[in-house]
């Protein structure tokens, strides 16, 4: 059997990185790729990609194009394109995306749906 390989993003290529010492609570909406290294709680919505770093803790429902998780997520994840769970990821919540990749060793508790998520306002 072939091992799953997920490409790591180079944070130097990202416009915005929320540092390890940043804590945010509320609704976060953004349009360009973002990496979270700190703590976020509430709702995360994006027209772009979201990268959750290894030490990050996100307690939120997430909607983005691509969601790449190395850290901890407590909440539901919906992606328009794909969800990637690295070996060091821990997810407690449902995952919905057309493509879902999980590396050996990740921790996932929830339901997995491989369909396009229903976006608010779409029929």
PDB file of N, CA and C in Angstrom:
ATOM      1  N   UNK A   1       0.849  -1.175   0.000  1.00  0.00           N
ATOM      2  CA  UNK A   1       0.000   0.000   0.000  1.00  0.00           C
ATOM      3  C   UNK A   1       0.897   1.242   0.000  1.00  0.00           C
ATOM      4  N   UNK A   2       0.491   2.236  -0.743  1.00  0.00           N
ATOM      5  CA  UNK A   2       1.237   3.485  -0.854  1.00  0.00           C
ATOM      6  C   UNK A   2       0.935   4.396   0.320  1.00  0.00           C
ATOM      7  N   UNK A   3       1.984   4.996   0.897  1.00  0.00           N
ATOM      8  CA  UNK A   3       1.795   5.967   1.971  1.00  0.00           C
ATOM      9  C   UNK A   3       1.260   7.270   1.392  1.00  0.00           C
ATOM     10  N   UNK A   4       0.397   7.937   2.133  1.00  0.00           N
ATOM     11  CA  UNK A   4      -0.162   9.217   1.722  1.00  0.00           C
ATOM     12  C   UNK A   4       0.900  10.300   1.907  1.00  0.00           C
ATOM     13  N   UNK A   5       1.068  11.143   0.910  1.00  0.00           N
ATOM     14  CA  UNK A   5       2.008  12.250   1.008  1.00  0.00           C
ATOM     15  C   UNK A   5       1.239  13.563   0.858  1.00  0.00           C
ATOM     16  N   UNK A   6       1.359  14.422   1.851  1.00  0.00           N
ATOM     17  CA  UNK A   6       0.732  15.739   1.806  1.00  0.00           C
ATOM     18  C   UNK A   6       1.848  16.765   1.729  1.00  0.00           C
ATOM     19  N   UNK A   7       1.708  17.726   0.830  1.00  0.00           N
ATOM     20  CA  UNK A   7       2.724  18.758   0.673  1.00  0.00           C
ATOM     21  C   UNK A   7       2.565  19.830   1.744  1.00  0.00           C
ATOM     22  N   UNK A   8       3.653  20.141   2.421  1.00  0.00           N
ATOM     23  CA  UNK A   8       3.650  21.184   3.448  1.00  0.00           C
ATOM     24  C   UNK A   8       3.747  22.552   2.785  1.00  0.00           C
ATOM     25  N   UNK A   9       2.993  23.512   3.292  1.00  0.00           N
ATOM     26  CA  UNK A   9       3.020  24.863   2.745  1.00  0.00           C
ATOM     27  C   UNK A   9       4.214  25.629   3.321  1.00  0.00           C
ATOM     28  N   UNK A  10       4.797  26.477   2.511  1.00  0.00           N
ATOM     29  CA  UNK A  10       5.887  27.353   2.952  1.00  0.00           C
ATOM     30  C   UNK A  10       5.248  28.641   3.461  1.00  0.00           C
ATOM     31  N   UNK A  11       5.333  28.877   4.773  1.00  0.00           N
ATOM     32  CA  UNK A  11       4.659  30.052   5.340  1.00  0.00           C
ATOM     33  C   UNK A  11       5.207  31.367   4.811  1.00  0.00           C
ATOM     34  N   UNK A  12       6.388  31.359   4.237  1.00  0.00           N
ATOM     35  CA  UNK A  12       6.943  32.567   3.615  1.00  0.00           C
ATOM     36  C   UNK A  12       6.109  32.995   2.399  1.00  0.00           C
ATOM     37  N   UNK A  13       5.356  32.065   1.832  1.00  0.00           N
ATOM     38  CA  UNK A  13       4.527  32.355   0.663  1.00  0.00           C
ATOM     39  C   UNK A  13       3.146  32.901   1.040  1.00  0.00           C
ATOM     40  N   UNK A  14       2.835  32.929   2.338  1.00  0.00           N
ATOM     41  CA  UNK A  14       1.524  33.379   2.798  1.00  0.00           C
ATOM     42  C   UNK A  14       1.539  34.856   3.160  1.00  0.00           C
ATOM     43  N   UNK A  15       0.438  35.546   2.884  1.00  0.00           N
ATOM     44  CA  UNK A  15       0.302  36.957   3.237  1.00  0.00           C
ATOM     45  C   UNK A  15       0.132  37.152   4.737  1.00  0.00           C
ATOM     46  N   UNK A  16      -0.607  36.235   5.392  1.00  0.00           N
ATOM     47  CA  UNK A  16      -0.937  36.428   6.793  1.00  0.00           C
ATOM     48  C   UNK A  16      -0.658  35.169   7.606  1.00  0.00           C
ATOM     49  N   UNK A  17       0.037  35.361   8.716  1.00  0.00           N
ATOM     50  CA  UNK A  17       0.292  34.284   9.670  1.00  0.00           C
ATOM     51  C   UNK A  17      -0.062  34.815  11.051  1.00  0.00           C
ATOM     52  N   UNK A  18      -1.002  34.163  11.732  1.00  0.00           N
ATOM     53  CA  UNK A  18      -1.333  34.534  13.109  1.00  0.00           C
ATOM     54  C   UNK A  18      -0.351  33.806  14.012  1.00  0.00           C
ATOM     55  N   UNK A  19       0.524  34.544  14.673  1.00  0.00           N
ATOM     56  CA  UNK A  19       1.626  33.983  15.450  1.00  0.00           C
ATOM     57  C   UNK A  19       1.141  33.160  16.638  1.00  0.00           C
ATOM     58  N   UNK A  20       2.051  32.392  17.184  1.00  0.00           N
ATOM     59  CA  UNK A  20       1.771  31.496  18.303  1.00  0.00           C
ATOM     60  C   UNK A  20       1.189  32.237  19.504  1.00  0.00           C
ATOM     61  N   UNK A  21       1.573  33.495  19.718  1.00  0.00           N
ATOM     62  CA  UNK A  21       1.101  34.252  20.881  1.00  0.00           C
ATOM     63  C   UNK A  21      -0.222  34.991  20.632  1.00  0.00           C
ATOM     64  N   UNK A  22      -0.832  34.808  19.455  1.00  0.00           N
ATOM     65  CA  UNK A  22      -2.094  35.477  19.130  1.00  0.00           C
ATOM     66  C   UNK A  22      -3.275  34.611  19.556  1.00  0.00           C
ATOM     67  N   UNK A  23      -4.237  35.242  20.257  1.00  0.00           N
ATOM     68  CA  UNK A  23      -5.497  34.598  20.601  1.00  0.00           C
ATOM     69  C   UNK A  23      -6.622  35.440  20.019  1.00  0.00           C
ATOM     70  N   UNK A  24      -7.539  34.782  19.300  1.00  0.00           N
ATOM     71  CA  UNK A  24      -8.636  35.485  18.643  1.00  0.00           C
ATOM     72  C   UNK A  24      -9.932  34.767  18.969  1.00  0.00           C
ATOM     73  N   UNK A  25     -10.969  35.541  19.326  1.00  0.00           N
ATOM     74  CA  UNK A  25     -12.293  34.983  19.567  1.00  0.00           C
ATOM     75  C   UNK A  25     -13.299  35.800  18.777  1.00  0.00           C
ATOM     76  N   UNK A  26     -14.170  35.106  18.043  1.00  0.00           N
ATOM     77  CA  UNK A  26     -15.184  35.785  17.243  1.00  0.00           C
ATOM     78  C   UNK A  26     -15.289  35.169  15.874  1.00  0.00           C
ATOM     79  N   UNK A  27     -15.805  35.952  14.919  1.00  0.00           N
ATOM     80  CA  UNK A  27     -15.950  35.483  13.547  1.00  0.00           C
ATOM     81  C   UNK A  27     -14.798  36.023  12.713  1.00  0.00           C
ATOM     82  N   UNK A  28     -14.032  35.126  12.121  1.00  0.00           N
ATOM     83  CA  UNK A  28     -12.890  35.498  11.293  1.00  0.00           C
ATOM     84  C   UNK A  28     -13.255  35.229   9.836  1.00  0.00           C
ATOM     85  N   UNK A  29     -13.191  36.286   9.008  1.00  0.00           N
ATOM     86  CA  UNK A  29     -13.487  36.169   7.583  1.00  0.00           C
ATOM     87  C   UNK A  29     -12.294  36.726   6.824  1.00  0.00           C
ATOM     88  N   UNK A  30     -11.791  35.958   5.843  1.00  0.00           N
ATOM     89  CA  UNK A  30     -10.635  36.417   5.078  1.00  0.00           C
ATOM     90  C   UNK A  30     -10.703  35.885   3.655  1.00  0.00           C
ATOM     91  N   UNK A  31      -9.939  36.516   2.750  1.00  0.00           N
ATOM     92  CA  UNK A  31      -9.995  36.160   1.334  1.00  0.00           C
ATOM     93  C   UNK A  31      -8.677  35.629   0.773  1.00  0.00           C
ATOM     94  N   UNK A  32      -7.581  35.764   1.532  1.00  0.00           N
ATOM     95  CA  UNK A  32      -6.280  35.260   1.071  1.00  0.00           C
ATOM     96  C   UNK A  32      -5.832  34.147   2.003  1.00  0.00           C
ATOM     97  N   UNK A  33      -4.908  33.281   1.544  1.00  0.00           N
ATOM     98  CA  UNK A  33      -4.450  32.180   2.396  1.00  0.00           C
ATOM     99  C   UNK A  33      -3.943  32.672   3.755  1.00  0.00           C
ATOM    100  N   UNK A  34      -4.262  31.902   4.804  1.00  0.00           N
ATOM    101  CA  UNK A  34      -3.943  32.276   6.172  1.00  0.00           C
ATOM    102  C   UNK A  34      -3.406  31.066   6.923  1.00  0.00           C
ATOM    103  N   UNK A  35      -2.402  31.294   7.776  1.00  0.00           N
ATOM    104  CA  UNK A  35      -1.915  30.249   8.671  1.00  0.00           C
ATOM    105  C   UNK A  35      -2.179  30.670  10.113  1.00  0.00           C
ATOM    106  N   UNK A  36      -2.734  29.751  10.887  1.00  0.00           N
ATOM    107  CA  UNK A  36      -2.964  29.980  12.305  1.00  0.00           C
ATOM    108  C   UNK A  36      -1.926  29.182  13.082  1.00  0.00           C
ATOM    109  N   UNK A  37      -1.197  29.888  13.959  1.00  0.00           N
ATOM    110  CA  UNK A  37      -0.240  29.231  14.849  1.00  0.00           C
ATOM    111  C   UNK A  37      -0.684  29.324  16.301  1.00  0.00           C
ATOM    112  N   UNK A  38      -1.576  30.264  16.605  1.00  0.00           N
ATOM    113  CA  UNK A  38      -2.037  30.502  17.967  1.00  0.00           C
ATOM    114  C   UNK A  38      -3.368  29.847  18.261  1.00  0.00           C
ATOM    115  N   UNK A  39      -4.226  30.569  18.992  1.00  0.00           N
ATOM    116  CA  UNK A  39      -5.537  30.050  19.407  1.00  0.00           C
ATOM    117  C   UNK A  39      -6.652  30.879  18.761  1.00  0.00           C
ATOM    118  N   UNK A  40      -7.630  30.193  18.195  1.00  0.00           N
ATOM    119  CA  UNK A  40      -8.779  30.847  17.573  1.00  0.00           C
ATOM    120  C   UNK A  40     -10.034  30.123  18.036  1.00  0.00           C
ATOM    121  N   UNK A  41     -11.065  30.899  18.403  1.00  0.00           N
ATOM    122  CA  UNK A  41     -12.350  30.298  18.744  1.00  0.00           C
ATOM    123  C   UNK A  41     -13.464  31.121  18.102  1.00  0.00           C
ATOM    124  N   UNK A  42     -14.534  30.439  17.707  1.00  0.00           N
ATOM    125  CA  UNK A  42     -15.672  31.110  17.079  1.00  0.00           C
ATOM    126  C   UNK A  42     -16.025  30.490  15.748  1.00  0.00           C
ATOM    127  N   UNK A  43     -15.934  31.296  14.690  1.00  0.00           N
ATOM    128  CA  UNK A  43     -16.254  30.865  13.323  1.00  0.00           C
ATOM    129  C   UNK A  43     -15.140  31.343  12.407  1.00  0.00           C
ATOM    130  N   UNK A  44     -14.704  30.466  11.499  1.00  0.00           N
ATOM    131  CA  UNK A  44     -13.672  30.814  10.522  1.00  0.00           C
ATOM    132  C   UNK A  44     -14.248  30.559   9.133  1.00  0.00           C
ATOM    133  N   UNK A  45     -14.320  31.631   8.313  1.00  0.00           N
ATOM    134  CA  UNK A  45     -14.858  31.525   6.949  1.00  0.00           C
ATOM    135  C   UNK A  45     -13.875  32.170   5.985  1.00  0.00           C
ATOM    136  N   UNK A  46     -13.622  31.475   4.868  1.00  0.00           N
ATOM    137  CA  UNK A  46     -12.654  31.999   3.917  1.00  0.00           C
ATOM    138  C   UNK A  46     -13.037  31.676   2.488  1.00  0.00           C
ATOM    139  N   UNK A  47     -12.625  32.558   1.603  1.00  0.00           N
ATOM    140  CA  UNK A  47     -12.731  32.319   0.166  1.00  0.00           C
ATOM    141  C   UNK A  47     -11.444  31.676  -0.335  1.00  0.00           C
ATOM    142  N   UNK A  48     -10.493  31.423   0.565  1.00  0.00           N
ATOM    143  CA  UNK A  48      -9.184  30.908   0.203  1.00  0.00           C
ATOM    144  C   UNK A  48      -8.846  29.698   1.063  1.00  0.00           C
ATOM    145  N   UNK A  49      -7.544  29.503   1.339  1.00  0.00           N
ATOM    146  CA  UNK A  49      -7.051  28.336   2.047  1.00  0.00           C
ATOM    147  C   UNK A  49      -6.701  28.671   3.491  1.00  0.00           C
ATOM    148  N   UNK A  50      -6.850  27.683   4.365  1.00  0.00           N
ATOM    149  CA  UNK A  50      -6.532  27.827   5.776  1.00  0.00           C
ATOM    150  C   UNK A  50      -5.546  26.741   6.176  1.00  0.00           C
ATOM    151  N   UNK A  51      -4.464  27.162   6.830  1.00  0.00           N
ATOM    152  CA  UNK A  51      -3.440  26.241   7.312  1.00  0.00           C
ATOM    153  C   UNK A  51      -3.385  26.369   8.835  1.00  0.00           C
ATOM    154  N   UNK A  52      -3.526  25.244   9.520  1.00  0.00           N
ATOM    155  CA  UNK A  52      -3.503  25.228  10.978  1.00  0.00           C
ATOM    156  C   UNK A  52      -2.220  24.541  11.399  1.00  0.00           C
ATOM    157  N   UNK A  53      -1.310  25.312  12.011  1.00  0.00           N
ATOM    158  CA  UNK A  53       0.020  24.826  12.347  1.00  0.00           C
ATOM    159  C   UNK A  53      -0.022  23.844  13.520  1.00  0.00           C
ATOM    160  N   UNK A  54       1.085  23.185  13.738  1.00  0.00           N
ATOM    161  CA  UNK A  54       1.182  22.083  14.695  1.00  0.00           C
ATOM    162  C   UNK A  54       0.797  22.465  16.124  1.00  0.00           C
ATOM    163  N   UNK A  55       1.139  23.651  16.602  1.00  0.00           N
ATOM    164  CA  UNK A  55       0.835  24.052  17.976  1.00  0.00           C
ATOM    165  C   UNK A  55      -0.460  24.856  18.084  1.00  0.00           C
ATOM    166  N   UNK A  56      -1.141  25.073  16.981  1.00  0.00           N
ATOM    167  CA  UNK A  56      -2.373  25.858  16.972  1.00  0.00           C
ATOM    168  C   UNK A  56      -3.524  25.073  17.608  1.00  0.00           C
ATOM    169  N   UNK A  57      -4.437  25.825  18.245  1.00  0.00           N
ATOM    170  CA  UNK A  57      -5.667  25.257  18.790  1.00  0.00           C
ATOM    171  C   UNK A  57      -6.820  26.089  18.230  1.00  0.00           C
ATOM    172  N   UNK A  58      -7.684  25.447  17.470  1.00  0.00           N
ATOM    173  CA  UNK A  58      -8.824  26.121  16.856  1.00  0.00           C
ATOM    174  C   UNK A  58     -10.094  25.461  17.361  1.00  0.00           C
ATOM    175  N   UNK A  59     -10.925  26.241  18.045  1.00  0.00           N
ATOM    176  CA  UNK A  59     -12.224  25.775  18.515  1.00  0.00           C
ATOM    177  C   UNK A  59     -13.269  26.566  17.747  1.00  0.00           C
ATOM    178  N   UNK A  60     -13.559  26.090  16.534  1.00  0.00           N
ATOM    179  CA  UNK A  60     -14.430  26.846  15.636  1.00  0.00           C
ATOM    180  C   UNK A  60     -14.955  25.939  14.537  1.00  0.00           C
ATOM    181  N   UNK A  61     -16.075  26.338  13.972  1.00  0.00           N
ATOM    182  CA  UNK A  61     -16.532  25.730  12.726  1.00  0.00           C
ATOM    183  C   UNK A  61     -15.801  26.443  11.602  1.00  0.00           C
ATOM    184  N   UNK A  62     -15.323  25.678  10.630  1.00  0.00           N
ATOM    185  CA  UNK A  62     -14.446  26.202   9.585  1.00  0.00           C
ATOM    186  C   UNK A  62     -15.055  25.956   8.218  1.00  0.00           C
ATOM    187  N   UNK A  63     -14.989  26.969   7.340  1.00  0.00           N
ATOM    188  CA  UNK A  63     -15.329  26.829   5.927  1.00  0.00           C
ATOM    189  C   UNK A  63     -14.250  27.529   5.122  1.00  0.00           C
ATOM    190  N   UNK A  64     -13.599  26.800   4.206  1.00  0.00           N
ATOM    191  CA  UNK A  64     -12.546  27.365   3.357  1.00  0.00           C
ATOM    192  C   UNK A  64     -12.414  26.507   2.105  1.00  0.00           C
ATOM    193  N   UNK A  65     -11.579  26.951   1.170  1.00  0.00           N
ATOM    194  CA  UNK A  65     -11.333  26.145  -0.031  1.00  0.00           C
ATOM    195  C   UNK A  65     -10.563  24.879   0.325  1.00  0.00           C
ATOM    196  N   UNK A  66      -9.387  25.072   0.910  1.00  0.00           N
ATOM    197  CA  UNK A  66      -8.545  23.979   1.374  1.00  0.00           C
ATOM    198  C   UNK A  66      -8.302  24.201   2.860  1.00  0.00           C
ATOM    199  N   UNK A  67      -8.435  23.150   3.655  1.00  0.00           N
ATOM    200  CA  UNK A  67      -8.127  23.223   5.083  1.00  0.00           C
ATOM    201  C   UNK A  67      -7.057  22.176   5.357  1.00  0.00           C
ATOM    202  N   UNK A  68      -5.898  22.647   5.786  1.00  0.00           N
ATOM    203  CA  UNK A  68      -4.751  21.789   6.055  1.00  0.00           C
ATOM    204  C   UNK A  68      -4.451  21.859   7.549  1.00  0.00           C
ATOM    205  N   UNK A  69      -4.534  20.713   8.225  1.00  0.00           N
ATOM    206  CA  UNK A  69      -4.461  20.703   9.688  1.00  0.00           C
ATOM    207  C   UNK A  69      -3.253  19.908  10.168  1.00  0.00           C
ATOM    208  N   UNK A  70      -2.431  20.581  10.984  1.00  0.00           N
ATOM    209  CA  UNK A  70      -1.356  19.918  11.717  1.00  0.00           C
ATOM    210  C   UNK A  70      -1.613  19.996  13.217  1.00  0.00           C
ATOM    211  N   UNK A  71      -2.422  20.944  13.642  1.00  0.00           N
ATOM    212  CA  UNK A  71      -2.690  21.188  15.056  1.00  0.00           C
ATOM    213  C   UNK A  71      -3.990  20.566  15.516  1.00  0.00           C
ATOM    214  N   UNK A  72      -4.647  21.243  16.465  1.00  0.00           N
ATOM    215  CA  UNK A  72      -5.873  20.752  17.086  1.00  0.00           C
ATOM    216  C   UNK A  72      -7.072  21.562  16.613  1.00  0.00           C
ATOM    217  N   UNK A  73      -8.118  20.859  16.179  1.00  0.00           N
ATOM    218  CA  UNK A  73      -9.374  21.508  15.793  1.00  0.00           C
ATOM    219  C   UNK A  73     -10.509  20.841  16.548  1.00  0.00           C
ATOM    220  N   UNK A  74     -11.332  21.669  17.216  1.00  0.00           N
ATOM    221  CA  UNK A  74     -12.561  21.204  17.849  1.00  0.00           C
ATOM    222  C   UNK A  74     -13.681  21.978  17.182  1.00  0.00           C
ATOM    223  N   UNK A  75     -14.359  21.323  16.259  1.00  0.00           N
ATOM    224  CA  UNK A  75     -15.413  21.955  15.472  1.00  0.00           C
ATOM    225  C   UNK A  75     -15.507  21.279  14.121  1.00  0.00           C
ATOM    226  N   UNK A  76     -16.525  21.625  13.381  1.00  0.00           N
ATOM    227  CA  UNK A  76     -16.742  21.024  12.065  1.00  0.00           C
ATOM    228  C   UNK A  76     -15.906  21.730  11.001  1.00  0.00           C
ATOM    229  N   UNK A  77     -15.388  20.955  10.061  1.00  0.00           N
ATOM    230  CA  UNK A  77     -14.590  21.486   8.967  1.00  0.00           C
ATOM    231  C   UNK A  77     -15.308  21.202   7.653  1.00  0.00           C
ATOM    232  N   UNK A  78     -15.556  22.251   6.858  1.00  0.00           N
ATOM    233  CA  UNK A  78     -16.105  22.111   5.513  1.00  0.00           C
ATOM    234  C   UNK A  78     -15.139  22.769   4.541  1.00  0.00           C
ATOM    235  N   UNK A  79     -14.790  22.052   3.481  1.00  0.00           N
ATOM    236  CA  UNK A  79     -13.874  22.594   2.481  1.00  0.00           C
ATOM    237  C   UNK A  79     -14.486  22.436   1.099  1.00  0.00           C
ATOM    238  N   UNK A  80     -14.320  23.471   0.272  1.00  0.00           N
ATOM    239  CA  UNK A  80     -14.819  23.419  -1.096  1.00  0.00           C
ATOM    240  C   UNK A  80     -13.979  22.490  -1.970  1.00  0.00           C
ATOM    241  N   UNK A  81     -12.677  22.361  -1.644  1.00  0.00           N
ATOM    242  CA  UNK A  81     -11.775  21.529  -2.443  1.00  0.00           C
ATOM    243  C   UNK A  81     -11.301  20.297  -1.687  1.00  0.00           C
ATOM    244  N   UNK A  82     -10.564  20.517  -0.560  1.00  0.00           N
ATOM    245  CA  UNK A  82     -10.052  19.355   0.166  1.00  0.00           C
ATOM    246  C   UNK A  82      -9.685  19.698   1.604  1.00  0.00           C
ATOM    247  N   UNK A  83      -9.637  18.641   2.410  1.00  0.00           N
ATOM    248  CA  UNK A  83      -9.164  18.711   3.789  1.00  0.00           C
ATOM    249  C   UNK A  83      -7.975  17.766   3.888  1.00  0.00           C
ATOM    250  N   UNK A  84      -6.889  18.265   4.521  1.00  0.00           N
ATOM    251  CA  UNK A  84      -5.684  17.465   4.727  1.00  0.00           C
ATOM    252  C   UNK A  84      -5.418  17.394   6.225  1.00  0.00           C
ATOM    253  N   UNK A  85      -5.317  16.170   6.755  1.00  0.00           N
ATOM    254  CA  UNK A  85      -4.989  15.975   8.161  1.00  0.00           C
ATOM    255  C   UNK A  85      -3.615  15.318   8.230  1.00  0.00           C
ATOM    256  N   UNK A  86      -2.635  16.057   8.734  1.00  0.00           N
ATOM    257  CA  UNK A  86      -1.283  15.527   8.883  1.00  0.00           C
ATOM    258  C   UNK A  86      -1.237  14.566  10.066  1.00  0.00           C
ATOM    259  N   UNK A  87      -0.181  13.798  10.187  1.00  0.00           N
ATOM    260  CA  UNK A  87      -0.038  12.802  11.250  1.00  0.00           C
ATOM    261  C   UNK A  87      -0.163  13.413  12.638  1.00  0.00           C
ATOM    262  N   UNK A  88       0.251  14.664  12.807  1.00  0.00           N
ATOM    263  CA  UNK A  88       0.214  15.333  14.113  1.00  0.00           C
ATOM    264  C   UNK A  88      -1.129  16.030  14.386  1.00  0.00           C
ATOM    265  N   UNK A  89      -2.094  15.926  13.478  1.00  0.00           N
ATOM    266  CA  UNK A  89      -3.390  16.605  13.628  1.00  0.00           C
ATOM    267  C   UNK A  89      -4.292  15.875  14.617  1.00  0.00           C
ATOM    268  N   UNK A  90      -5.147  16.666  15.279  1.00  0.00           N
ATOM    269  CA  UNK A  90      -6.184  16.140  16.150  1.00  0.00           C
ATOM    270  C   UNK A  90      -7.473  16.898  15.831  1.00  0.00           C
ATOM    271  N   UNK A  91      -8.490  16.190  15.348  1.00  0.00           N
ATOM    272  CA  UNK A  91      -9.755  16.819  14.961  1.00  0.00           C
ATOM    273  C   UNK A  91     -10.904  16.131  15.680  1.00  0.00           C
ATOM    274  N   UNK A  92     -11.694  16.929  16.401  1.00  0.00           N
ATOM    275  CA  UNK A  92     -12.929  16.476  17.023  1.00  0.00           C
ATOM    276  C   UNK A  92     -14.058  17.252  16.373  1.00  0.00           C
ATOM    277  N   UNK A  93     -14.699  16.649  15.377  1.00  0.00           N
ATOM    278  CA  UNK A  93     -15.775  17.299  14.637  1.00  0.00           C
ATOM    279  C   UNK A  93     -15.939  16.630  13.297  1.00  0.00           C
ATOM    280  N   UNK A  94     -16.992  16.984  12.607  1.00  0.00           N
ATOM    281  CA  UNK A  94     -17.276  16.392  11.303  1.00  0.00           C
ATOM    282  C   UNK A  94     -16.444  17.080  10.222  1.00  0.00           C
ATOM    283  N   UNK A  95     -16.076  16.307   9.202  1.00  0.00           N
ATOM    284  CA  UNK A  95     -15.303  16.822   8.077  1.00  0.00           C
ATOM    285  C   UNK A  95     -16.098  16.574   6.802  1.00  0.00           C
ATOM    286  N   UNK A  96     -16.284  17.630   6.003  1.00  0.00           N
ATOM    287  CA  UNK A  96     -17.010  17.541   4.738  1.00  0.00           C
ATOM    288  C   UNK A  96     -16.186  18.192   3.650  1.00  0.00           C
ATOM    289  N   UNK A  97     -15.882  17.426   2.596  1.00  0.00           N
ATOM    290  CA  UNK A  97     -15.098  17.948   1.468  1.00  0.00           C
ATOM    291  C   UNK A  97     -15.146  16.933   0.327  1.00  0.00           C
ATOM    292  N   UNK A  98     -14.943  17.400  -0.918  1.00  0.00           N
ATOM    293  CA  UNK A  98     -14.877  16.469  -2.041  1.00  0.00           C
ATOM    294  C   UNK A  98     -13.675  15.523  -1.943  1.00  0.00           C
ATOM    295  N   UNK A  99     -12.583  16.002  -1.327  1.00  0.00           N
ATOM    296  CA  UNK A  99     -11.370  15.194  -1.188  1.00  0.00           C
ATOM    297  C   UNK A  99     -10.861  15.329   0.247  1.00  0.00           C
ATOM    298  N   UNK A 100     -10.599  14.188   0.899  1.00  0.00           N
ATOM    299  CA  UNK A 100     -10.117  14.188   2.269  1.00  0.00           C
ATOM    300  C   UNK A 100      -8.905  13.270   2.342  1.00  0.00           C
ATOM    301  N   UNK A 101      -7.798  13.796   2.884  1.00  0.00           N
ATOM    302  CA  UNK A 101      -6.579  13.018   3.035  1.00  0.00           C
ATOM    303  C   UNK A 101      -6.189  13.000   4.501  1.00  0.00           C
ATOM    304  N   UNK A 102      -5.928  11.791   5.020  1.00  0.00           N
ATOM    305  CA  UNK A 102      -5.521  11.642   6.416  1.00  0.00           C
ATOM    306  C   UNK A 102      -4.236  10.832   6.468  1.00  0.00           C
ATOM    307  N   UNK A 103      -3.186  11.430   7.036  1.00  0.00           N
ATOM    308  CA  UNK A 103      -1.947  10.698   7.215  1.00  0.00           C
ATOM    309  C   UNK A 103      -2.086   9.721   8.381  1.00  0.00           C
ATOM    310  N   UNK A 104      -1.340   8.629   8.300  1.00  0.00           N
ATOM    311  CA  UNK A 104      -1.295   7.673   9.389  1.00  0.00           C
ATOM    312  C   UNK A 104      -0.827   8.373  10.656  1.00  0.00           C
ATOM    313  N   UNK A 105      -1.556   8.172  11.748  1.00  0.00           N
ATOM    314  CA  UNK A 105      -1.188   8.776  13.022  1.00  0.00           C
ATOM    315  C   UNK A 105      -2.061   9.944  13.429  1.00  0.00           C
ATOM    316  N   UNK A 106      -2.830  10.519  12.497  1.00  0.00           N
ATOM    317  CA  UNK A 106      -3.704  11.634  12.886  1.00  0.00           C
ATOM    318  C   UNK A 106      -4.824  11.096  13.774  1.00  0.00           C
ATOM    319  N   UNK A 107      -5.379  11.972  14.587  1.00  0.00           N
ATOM    320  CA  UNK A 107      -6.488  11.611  15.475  1.00  0.00           C
ATOM    321  C   UNK A 107      -7.741  12.300  14.952  1.00  0.00           C
ATOM    322  N   UNK A 108      -8.769  11.530  14.626  1.00  0.00           N
ATOM    323  CA  UNK A 108     -10.001  12.081  14.059  1.00  0.00           C
ATOM    324  C   UNK A 108     -11.205  11.424  14.721  1.00  0.00           C
ATOM    325  N   UNK A 109     -12.040  12.237  15.340  1.00  0.00           N
ATOM    326  CA  UNK A 109     -13.288  11.772  15.945  1.00  0.00           C
ATOM    327  C   UNK A 109     -14.427  12.584  15.347  1.00  0.00           C
ATOM    328  N   UNK A 110     -15.240  11.949  14.519  1.00  0.00           N
ATOM    329  CA  UNK A 110     -16.356  12.634  13.891  1.00  0.00           C
ATOM    330  C   UNK A 110     -16.806  11.872  12.668  1.00  0.00           C
ATOM    331  N   UNK A 111     -17.726  12.458  11.952  1.00  0.00           N
ATOM    332  CA  UNK A 111     -18.218  11.870  10.708  1.00  0.00           C
ATOM    333  C   UNK A 111     -17.452  12.465   9.537  1.00  0.00           C
ATOM    334  N   UNK A 112     -17.273  11.675   8.518  1.00  0.00           N
ATOM    335  CA  UNK A 112     -16.532  12.093   7.331  1.00  0.00           C
ATOM    336  C   UNK A 112     -17.467  11.998   6.125  1.00  0.00           C
ATOM    337  N   UNK A 113     -17.655  13.124   5.425  1.00  0.00           N
ATOM    338  CA  UNK A 113     -18.528  13.153   4.241  1.00  0.00           C
ATOM    339  C   UNK A 113     -17.725  13.660   3.055  1.00  0.00           C
ATOM    340  N   UNK A 114     -17.626  12.855   2.027  1.00  0.00           N
ATOM    341  CA  UNK A 114     -16.853  13.257   0.846  1.00  0.00           C
ATOM    342  C   UNK A 114     -17.802  13.780  -0.232  1.00  0.00           C
ATOM    343  N   UNK A 115     -18.401  14.914   0.062  1.00  0.00           N
ATOM    344  CA  UNK A 115     -19.283  15.615  -0.870  1.00  0.00           C
ATOM    345  C   UNK A 115     -18.965  17.092  -0.770  1.00  0.00           C
ATOM    346  N   UNK A 116     -19.346  17.837  -1.771  1.00  0.00           N
ATOM    347  CA  UNK A 116     -19.161  19.290  -1.708  1.00  0.00           C
ATOM    348  C   UNK A 116     -20.070  19.840  -0.614  1.00  0.00           C
ATOM    349  N   UNK A 117     -19.569  20.724   0.247  1.00  0.00           N
ATOM    350  CA  UNK A 117     -20.391  21.287   1.305  1.00  0.00           C
ATOM    351  C   UNK A 117     -21.442  22.228   0.747  1.00  0.00           C
ATOM    352  N   UNK A 118     -22.559  22.330   1.431  1.00  0.00           N
ATOM    353  CA  UNK A 118     -23.604  23.276   1.059  1.00  0.00           C
ATOM    354  C   UNK A 118     -23.205  24.650   1.561  1.00  0.00           C
ATOM    355  N   UNK A 119     -23.018  25.589   0.656  1.00  0.00           N
ATOM    356  CA  UNK A 119     -22.618  26.950   1.004  1.00  0.00           C
ATOM    357  C   UNK A 119     -23.879  27.781   1.211  1.00  0.00           C
ATOM    358  N   UNK A 120     -23.858  28.656   2.240  1.00  0.00           N
ATOM    359  CA  UNK A 120     -25.021  29.518   2.506  1.00  0.00           C
ATOM    360  C   UNK A 120     -25.438  30.243   1.240  1.00  0.00           C
ATOM    361  N   UNK A 121     -26.732  30.191   0.938  1.00  0.00           N
ATOM    362  CA  UNK A 121     -27.244  30.903  -0.232  1.00  0.00           C
ATOM    363  C   UNK A 121     -27.299  30.059  -1.493  1.00  0.00           C
ATOM    364  N   UNK A 122     -26.688  28.863  -1.481  1.00  0.00           N
ATOM    365  CA  UNK A 122     -26.721  27.983  -2.656  1.00  0.00           C
ATOM    366  C   UNK A 122     -27.882  27.006  -2.507  1.00  0.00           C
ATOM    367  N   UNK A 123     -28.423  26.580  -3.611  1.00  0.00           N
ATOM    368  CA  UNK A 123     -29.494  25.576  -3.594  1.00  0.00           C
ATOM    369  C   UNK A 123     -28.960  24.208  -3.852  1.00  0.00           C
TER     370      UNK A 123
END
